[in-house]
C-alpha cells in the first residue's frame, strides 16, 4: 500500500500536481472484489454503451489500485479524452507515453487534450511526436496547423495545412484554417 501511495503522490514533470489530485473518487464506492482486469472489462462495456462518465469513474478507481497497468492507463486516457476530462487525459497519457513512445494515436490524444487545456506548447510537442509515428495522420496535421497558428507561427501552420489539403482539400477544417491563415498572411 505504501508503494501505491508513493506512486499516486508522485508529481509529474509537467504540472507539479500529484496525479491523484485530479481523481475525485471516493474509496467507499470501490468494490474490493473487482479486480483491475474486471474494472477494465466493466469500463470497456460502459464506454461501448455510451456511459462515458461511469466508465471514467471505474477506470480512475482501477488506476489508483494499479497505476502501473499500461492497459488501464491507455484506456483511461482514451475515455477521459472522449469524456472531455482533458486534465485527466493529459496526466494519464503523459505517463502512458513514457513507456509507449511509439503510440502515435495516443500522442495525438495527448496533443488534443493539451490544446483543449490551453497548453499550446505542450500540444505542439505532443503533436510533433504523433507526426513522427504517423506522418499522414490527417487529424494531427490539422491540429498541428491550428496549434502553430495559435502560437503565432503562421509559416509553420501553412506548411501543415498544405499537407492536410493534399489529403483532403474539401475538408471543412482545412478550408476554415486555410481562410484564417490567408487572412493572417494578408495582414502582414
Protein backbone atom coordinates (compact mmCIF):
# COMPACT_ATOMS: atom_id res chain seq x y z
CA UNK A 1 0.00 0.00 0.00
CA UNK A 2 2.90 2.38 0.75
CA UNK A 3 4.22 1.80 -2.77
CA UNK A 4 0.81 2.71 -4.22
CA UNK A 5 0.59 5.81 -2.07
CA UNK A 6 4.03 6.96 -3.15
CA UNK A 7 3.12 6.47 -6.80
CA UNK A 8 -0.17 8.32 -6.61
CA UNK A 9 1.53 11.09 -4.69
CA UNK A 10 4.32 11.38 -7.27
CA UNK A 11 4.28 14.67 -9.08
CA UNK A 12 4.68 14.57 -12.83
CA UNK A 13 7.13 16.65 -14.83
CA UNK A 14 4.56 18.95 -16.40
CA UNK A 15 2.26 20.44 -13.83
CA UNK A 16 3.67 19.80 -10.36
CA UNK A 17 0.32 18.43 -9.24
CA UNK A 18 0.08 14.91 -7.86
CA UNK A 19 -1.75 12.66 -10.29
CA UNK A 20 -4.34 11.70 -7.68
CA UNK A 21 -5.17 15.40 -7.28
CA UNK A 22 -7.31 15.03 -10.40
CA UNK A 23 -9.14 11.93 -9.21
CA UNK A 24 -12.21 12.64 -7.15
CA UNK A 25 -13.08 9.01 -6.46
CA UNK A 26 -14.43 8.21 -3.02
CA UNK A 27 -12.93 4.95 -1.77
CA UNK A 28 -16.24 3.80 -0.29
CA UNK A 29 -17.65 3.08 -3.75
CA UNK A 30 -14.78 0.81 -4.82
CA UNK A 31 -15.73 -2.83 -4.79
CA UNK A 32 -12.60 -4.52 -3.43
CA UNK A 33 -13.67 -7.75 -5.13
CA UNK A 34 -13.42 -6.06 -8.52
CA UNK A 35 -10.01 -6.77 -9.95
CA UNK A 36 -8.28 -4.34 -12.27
CA UNK A 37 -8.95 -6.79 -15.11
CA UNK A 38 -12.62 -6.78 -14.15
CA UNK A 39 -12.55 -2.99 -13.94
CA UNK A 40 -11.12 -2.83 -17.44
CA UNK A 41 -13.90 -5.06 -18.78
CA UNK A 42 -16.55 -3.08 -16.90
CA UNK A 43 -15.13 0.24 -18.09
CA UNK A 44 -14.97 -1.02 -21.67
CA UNK A 45 -18.60 -2.22 -21.54
CA UNK A 46 -19.75 1.09 -20.05
CA UNK A 47 -17.85 3.02 -22.73
CA UNK A 48 -19.34 0.88 -25.51
CA UNK A 49 -22.80 1.52 -24.07
CA UNK A 50 -22.20 5.27 -24.17
CA UNK A 51 -21.83 5.61 -20.40
CA UNK A 52 -18.57 7.52 -20.64
CA UNK A 53 -18.74 9.25 -17.24
CA UNK A 54 -19.31 5.95 -15.44
CA UNK A 55 -16.53 4.34 -17.47
CA UNK A 56 -14.17 7.14 -16.40
CA UNK A 57 -15.12 6.66 -12.74
CA UNK A 58 -14.45 2.92 -12.90
CA UNK A 59 -11.18 3.41 -14.73
CA UNK A 60 -9.97 6.12 -12.33
CA UNK A 61 -10.52 3.75 -9.41
CA UNK A 62 -8.71 0.98 -11.25
CA UNK A 63 -5.84 3.38 -11.98
CA UNK A 64 -5.50 4.21 -8.29
CA UNK A 65 -5.48 0.49 -7.49
CA UNK A 66 -2.90 -0.33 -10.20
CA UNK A 67 -1.14 2.76 -11.61
CA UNK A 68 1.47 0.63 -13.40
CA UNK A 69 -1.05 -1.22 -15.55
CA UNK A 70 -0.44 0.20 -19.02
CA UNK A 71 -3.60 -1.34 -20.46
CA UNK A 72 -5.68 0.51 -17.85
CA UNK A 73 -3.73 3.73 -18.33
CA UNK A 74 -4.19 3.63 -22.08
CA UNK A 75 -7.93 3.08 -21.77
CA UNK A 76 -8.36 5.69 -19.01
CA UNK A 77 -6.53 8.20 -21.19
CA UNK A 78 -8.80 7.44 -24.13
CA UNK A 79 -12.10 7.52 -22.23
CA UNK A 80 -11.05 10.66 -20.35
CA UNK A 81 -10.34 12.36 -23.67
CA UNK A 82 -13.63 11.17 -25.17
CA UNK A 83 -15.43 12.27 -21.99
CA UNK A 84 -13.85 15.74 -22.22
CA UNK A 85 -11.91 15.23 -18.99
CA UNK A 86 -8.83 16.72 -20.62
CA UNK A 87 -6.87 17.28 -17.42
CA UNK A 88 -7.08 13.60 -16.53
CA UNK A 89 -6.42 12.53 -20.12
CA UNK A 90 -3.29 14.70 -20.29
CA UNK A 91 -1.95 13.38 -16.98
CA UNK A 92 -2.59 9.71 -17.69
CA UNK A 93 -1.48 9.83 -21.34
CA UNK A 94 1.73 11.62 -20.38
CA UNK A 95 2.52 8.74 -18.02
CA UNK A 96 1.38 6.09 -20.54
CA UNK A 97 3.56 7.55 -23.29
CA UNK A 98 6.69 7.42 -21.13
CA UNK A 99 6.51 3.65 -21.54
CA UNK A 100 4.88 3.58 -25.00
CA UNK A 101 6.59 6.28 -27.03
CA UNK A 102 5.64 4.74 -30.38
CA UNK A 103 1.88 5.15 -29.91
CA UNK A 104 1.18 7.88 -32.47
CA UNK A 105 -2.57 7.80 -31.90
CA UNK A 106 -2.13 8.46 -28.18
CA UNK A 107 0.34 11.28 -28.81
CA UNK A 108 -2.48 12.81 -30.87
CA UNK A 109 -4.96 12.43 -27.98
CA UNK A 110 -2.41 13.98 -25.63
CA UNK A 111 -1.88 16.87 -28.07
CA UNK A 112 -5.61 17.49 -28.34
CA UNK A 113 -6.04 17.33 -24.56
CA UNK A 114 -3.24 19.83 -24.01
CA UNK A 115 -4.71 22.10 -26.67
CA UNK A 116 -8.14 21.98 -25.00
CA UNK A 117 -6.43 22.94 -21.74
CA UNK A 118 -4.73 25.90 -23.45
CA UNK A 119 -1.26 24.39 -23.13
CA UNK A 120 -0.25 25.12 -26.72
CA UNK A 121 3.49 24.48 -26.39
CA UNK A 122 2.80 21.06 -24.85
CA UNK A 123 0.17 20.42 -27.51
CA UNK A 124 2.67 21.24 -30.24
CA UNK A 125 5.31 18.97 -28.75
CA UNK A 126 2.87 16.04 -28.46
CA UNK A 127 1.51 16.62 -31.97
CA UNK A 128 5.06 16.62 -33.36
CA UNK A 129 5.64 13.28 -31.63
CA UNK A 130 2.44 11.96 -33.23
CA UNK A 131 3.71 13.18 -36.59
CA UNK A 132 6.94 11.19 -36.19
CA UNK A 133 4.93 7.99 -35.77
CA UNK A 134 2.03 8.72 -38.11
CA UNK A 135 3.15 11.28 -40.72
CA UNK A 136 -0.09 11.07 -42.70
CA UNK A 137 -2.49 11.33 -39.75
CA UNK A 138 -4.90 13.85 -41.25
CA UNK A 139 -6.43 15.00 -37.97
CA UNK A 140 -2.98 15.51 -36.47
CA UNK A 141 -1.90 17.64 -39.46
CA UNK A 142 -4.94 19.85 -38.91
CA UNK A 143 -4.15 20.04 -35.20
CA UNK A 144 -0.52 20.92 -35.93
CA UNK A 145 -1.65 23.71 -38.25
CA UNK A 146 -4.09 25.05 -35.68
CA UNK A 147 -1.70 24.89 -32.72
CA UNK A 148 1.01 26.55 -34.81
CA UNK A 149 -1.49 29.29 -35.71
CA UNK A 150 -2.44 29.72 -32.06
CA UNK A 151 1.24 30.10 -31.19
CA UNK A 152 1.60 32.75 -33.90
CA UNK A 153 3.74 30.69 -36.27
CA UNK A 154 1.82 31.25 -39.50
CA UNK A 155 4.55 29.82 -41.75
CA UNK A 156 4.62 26.52 -39.86
CA UNK A 157 0.81 26.46 -39.81
CA UNK A 158 0.74 26.94 -43.60
CA UNK A 159 3.13 24.01 -44.04
CA UNK A 160 0.83 21.67 -42.11
CA UNK A 161 -2.40 22.93 -43.65
CA UNK A 162 -0.88 22.47 -47.11
CA UNK A 163 -0.07 18.85 -46.27
CA UNK A 164 -3.62 18.36 -45.00
CA UNK A 165 -5.00 19.96 -48.19
CA UNK A 166 -3.10 17.42 -50.27
CA UNK A 167 -5.01 14.65 -48.46
CA UNK A 168 -8.50 16.23 -48.37
CA UNK A 169 -8.80 19.72 -49.86
CA UNK A 170 -12.56 19.96 -49.21
CA UNK A 171 -12.47 19.11 -45.50
CA UNK A 172 -14.28 21.88 -43.59
CA UNK A 173 -11.46 22.25 -41.03
CA UNK A 174 -8.85 22.52 -43.77
CA UNK A 175 -10.93 25.15 -45.57
CA UNK A 176 -11.51 27.10 -42.33
CA UNK A 177 -7.84 27.02 -41.33
CA UNK A 178 -6.77 27.98 -44.84
CA UNK A 179 -9.02 31.05 -44.71
CA UNK A 180 -7.75 32.04 -41.26
CA UNK A 181 -4.15 31.67 -42.37
CA UNK A 182 -4.81 33.53 -45.62
CA UNK A 183 -6.25 36.39 -43.60
CA UNK A 184 -3.26 36.32 -41.24
CA UNK A 185 -0.75 36.46 -44.09
CA UNK A 186 -2.59 39.33 -45.78
CA UNK A 187 -2.35 41.36 -42.57
CA UNK A 188 1.47 41.03 -42.52
